[in-house]
Amino acid sequence: MKKNSKIRGFMVVEVLVAVSIITVSILAAMAVAQRSVHVSRQAFHSAQSAFLLEEGAEVLRVMRDNSWANISSLDSGTDYYLNFSGNTWTLSETSSMVGIFTRTINISSVNRDSNQDISSSGTDDPQAKLVTVIVSWPEGGATVNKTLQFYIFDIFS
């Protein structure tokens, strides 16, 4: 009789160990799946933001091609937002969103030194502007920003 109770006790321990291993395995698999979904969402948002950055740059180039005054008349250091209405793009100071993304465009003056190189000091070049396109979105309790900076020139004058 004593031998039979030892076997039962050993079986209970075996069952507890097996259940524990299975539980830990399932929890680990769920943690990996959750992390995978989070990383996939981050990659998806990052790809979308890259397209929005490039679209913002292309819109500024089209506006420049239509008339340099579209660019040169903008206030330096002011945040602008793109709006599409009536088959045309416009810039506004009113914040707008594309889904979860906010796209901000900032135009800055460009200075040239005595060698006509772009520099932080020197004389203002009215035929050139520094454009900064920023796309931001909320991600996991924080705000993520991606930035694209480029120079745009009055090439048609």
Protein backbone atom coordinates (compact mmCIF):
# COMPACT_ATOMS: atom_id res chain seq x y z
CA MET A 1 0.00 0.00 0.00
CA LYS A 2 2.86 2.34 0.82
CA LYS A 3 4.44 1.78 -2.61
CA ASN A 4 1.15 2.69 -4.34
CA SER A 5 0.90 6.07 -2.53
CA LYS A 6 4.49 6.90 -3.52
CA ILE A 7 3.63 6.29 -7.18
CA ARG A 8 0.53 8.50 -6.88
CA GLY A 9 2.57 11.25 -5.28
CA PHE A 10 5.19 10.98 -7.99
CA MET A 11 2.46 11.19 -10.69
CA VAL A 12 1.09 14.38 -9.11
CA VAL A 13 4.57 15.93 -9.23
CA GLU A 14 4.97 14.84 -12.87
CA VAL A 15 1.61 16.39 -13.80
CA LEU A 16 2.51 19.64 -12.00
CA VAL A 17 5.87 19.84 -13.81
CA ALA A 18 4.23 19.11 -17.19
CA VAL A 19 1.52 21.73 -16.63
CA SER A 20 4.15 24.27 -15.56
CA ILE A 21 6.27 23.63 -18.67
CA ILE A 22 3.25 23.90 -20.96
CA THR A 23 2.12 27.14 -19.25
CA VAL A 24 5.55 28.75 -19.52
CA SER A 25 5.80 27.70 -23.19
CA ILE A 26 2.40 29.20 -24.03
CA LEU A 27 3.20 32.46 -22.19
CA ALA A 28 6.55 32.76 -23.99
CA ALA A 29 4.88 32.17 -27.38
CA MET A 30 2.27 34.83 -26.58
CA ALA A 31 4.98 37.34 -25.59
CA VAL A 32 6.86 36.70 -28.84
CA ALA A 33 3.64 37.12 -30.86
CA GLN A 34 2.80 40.38 -29.07
CA ARG A 35 6.28 41.78 -29.69
CA SER A 36 6.08 40.70 -33.33
CA VAL A 37 2.80 42.60 -33.81
CA HIS A 38 4.31 45.69 -32.16
CA VAL A 39 7.41 45.61 -34.40
CA SER A 40 5.25 45.04 -37.50
CA ARG A 41 3.10 48.06 -36.62
CA GLN A 42 6.20 50.22 -36.11
CA ALA A 43 7.61 49.15 -39.48
CA PHE A 44 4.27 49.83 -41.19
CA HIS A 45 4.05 53.33 -39.67
CA SER A 46 7.67 54.03 -40.57
CA ALA A 47 7.04 53.07 -44.21
CA GLN A 48 3.89 55.22 -44.35
CA SER A 49 5.78 58.19 -42.88
CA ALA A 50 8.51 57.83 -45.53
CA PHE A 51 5.87 58.09 -48.26
CA LEU A 52 4.31 61.14 -46.58
CA LEU A 53 7.74 62.82 -46.32
CA GLU A 54 8.42 62.26 -50.00
CA GLU A 55 4.94 63.42 -50.96
CA GLY A 56 5.50 66.63 -48.99
CA ALA A 57 8.78 67.24 -50.82
CA GLU A 58 7.15 66.60 -54.20
CA VAL A 59 4.29 68.98 -53.42
CA LEU A 60 6.78 71.76 -52.59
CA ARG A 61 8.61 71.11 -55.87
CA VAL A 62 5.34 71.31 -57.81
CA MET A 63 4.44 74.54 -56.03
CA ARG A 64 7.88 75.92 -56.91
CA ASP A 65 7.43 74.86 -60.54
CA ASN A 66 4.07 76.66 -60.71
CA SER A 67 5.52 79.90 -59.32
CA TRP A 68 8.50 80.72 -57.11
CA ALA A 69 6.22 83.20 -55.31
CA ASN A 70 4.39 80.19 -53.82
CA ILE A 71 7.59 79.42 -51.90
CA SER A 72 9.28 82.80 -51.49
CA SER A 73 6.18 84.44 -49.99
CA LEU A 74 6.06 81.98 -47.07
CA ASP A 75 7.16 83.26 -43.68
CA SER A 76 10.47 81.85 -42.55
CA GLY A 77 10.22 79.71 -39.42
CA THR A 78 6.42 79.27 -39.61
CA ASP A 79 4.92 75.78 -39.54
CA TYR A 80 2.69 75.02 -42.51
CA TYR A 81 0.43 72.06 -43.20
CA LEU A 82 -0.53 70.58 -46.57
CA ASN A 83 -4.15 70.48 -47.65
CA PHE A 84 -5.52 68.97 -50.85
CA SER A 85 -8.68 70.62 -52.15
CA GLY A 86 -10.10 71.36 -55.57
CA ASN A 87 -7.46 69.22 -57.32
CA THR A 88 -4.64 71.34 -55.93
CA TRP A 89 -2.32 71.41 -52.94
CA THR A 90 -2.27 74.41 -50.62
CA LEU A 91 -0.30 75.33 -47.52
CA SER A 92 -2.12 76.47 -44.42
CA GLU A 93 -1.16 77.37 -40.86
CA THR A 94 -4.03 75.22 -39.58
CA SER A 95 -2.89 71.81 -38.37
CA SER A 96 -4.14 68.86 -40.38
CA MET A 97 -3.70 65.12 -40.08
CA VAL A 98 -3.43 62.23 -42.52
CA GLY A 99 -4.77 59.31 -40.53
CA ILE A 100 -2.64 59.23 -37.38
CA PHE A 101 0.13 61.32 -38.98
CA THR A 102 0.76 65.05 -38.73
CA ARG A 103 2.89 66.50 -41.53
CA THR A 104 4.55 69.85 -40.86
CA ILE A 105 6.46 71.91 -43.41
CA ASN A 106 8.85 74.65 -42.41
CA ILE A 107 10.60 77.01 -44.83
CA SER A 108 13.82 78.77 -43.78
CA SER A 109 15.94 81.42 -45.43
CA VAL A 110 19.30 80.48 -46.92
CA ASN A 111 22.47 82.55 -46.46
CA ARG A 112 25.51 82.58 -48.70
CA ASP A 113 29.06 83.56 -47.78
CA SER A 114 31.47 85.59 -49.95
CA ASN A 115 32.27 82.44 -52.01
CA GLN A 116 28.54 81.95 -52.72
CA ASP A 117 28.53 78.79 -50.59
CA ILE A 118 25.54 78.09 -48.33
CA SER A 119 26.51 78.99 -44.77
CA SER A 120 24.97 79.86 -41.42
CA SER A 121 26.01 83.50 -41.84
CA GLY A 122 26.29 85.80 -44.81
CA THR A 123 23.77 87.48 -47.06
CA ASP A 124 20.26 86.20 -47.68
CA ASP A 125 19.76 84.34 -50.98
CA PRO A 126 16.19 85.07 -52.14
CA GLN A 127 16.49 82.34 -54.84
CA ALA A 128 16.99 79.52 -52.29
CA LYS A 129 15.08 78.15 -49.31
CA LEU A 130 15.70 75.33 -46.85
CA VAL A 131 12.64 73.10 -46.55
CA THR A 132 12.07 70.83 -43.56
CA VAL A 133 9.26 68.28 -43.77
CA ILE A 134 8.40 66.56 -40.48
CA VAL A 135 5.98 63.67 -40.10
CA SER A 136 5.00 62.75 -36.55
CA TRP A 137 2.67 60.16 -35.06
CA PRO A 138 1.89 58.59 -31.68
CA GLU A 139 3.50 55.22 -31.06
CA GLY A 140 3.37 53.35 -27.77
CA GLY A 141 2.76 56.39 -25.57
CA ALA A 142 5.45 58.50 -27.29
CA THR A 143 5.55 60.70 -30.37
CA VAL A 144 7.77 59.52 -33.22
CA ASN A 145 9.19 62.07 -35.70
CA LYS A 146 10.78 61.55 -39.10
CA THR A 147 12.39 64.51 -40.85
CA LEU A 148 13.41 65.29 -44.43
CA GLN A 149 15.46 68.43 -45.14
CA PHE A 150 16.35 69.73 -48.58
CA TYR A 151 17.14 72.94 -50.42
CA ILE A 152 14.79 74.27 -53.04
CA PHE A 153 15.88 76.81 -55.63
CA ASP A 154 14.21 79.21 -58.04
CA ILE A 155 15.37 77.38 -61.15
CA PHE A 156 13.06 79.14 -63.61
CA SER A 157 14.21 82.76 -63.16
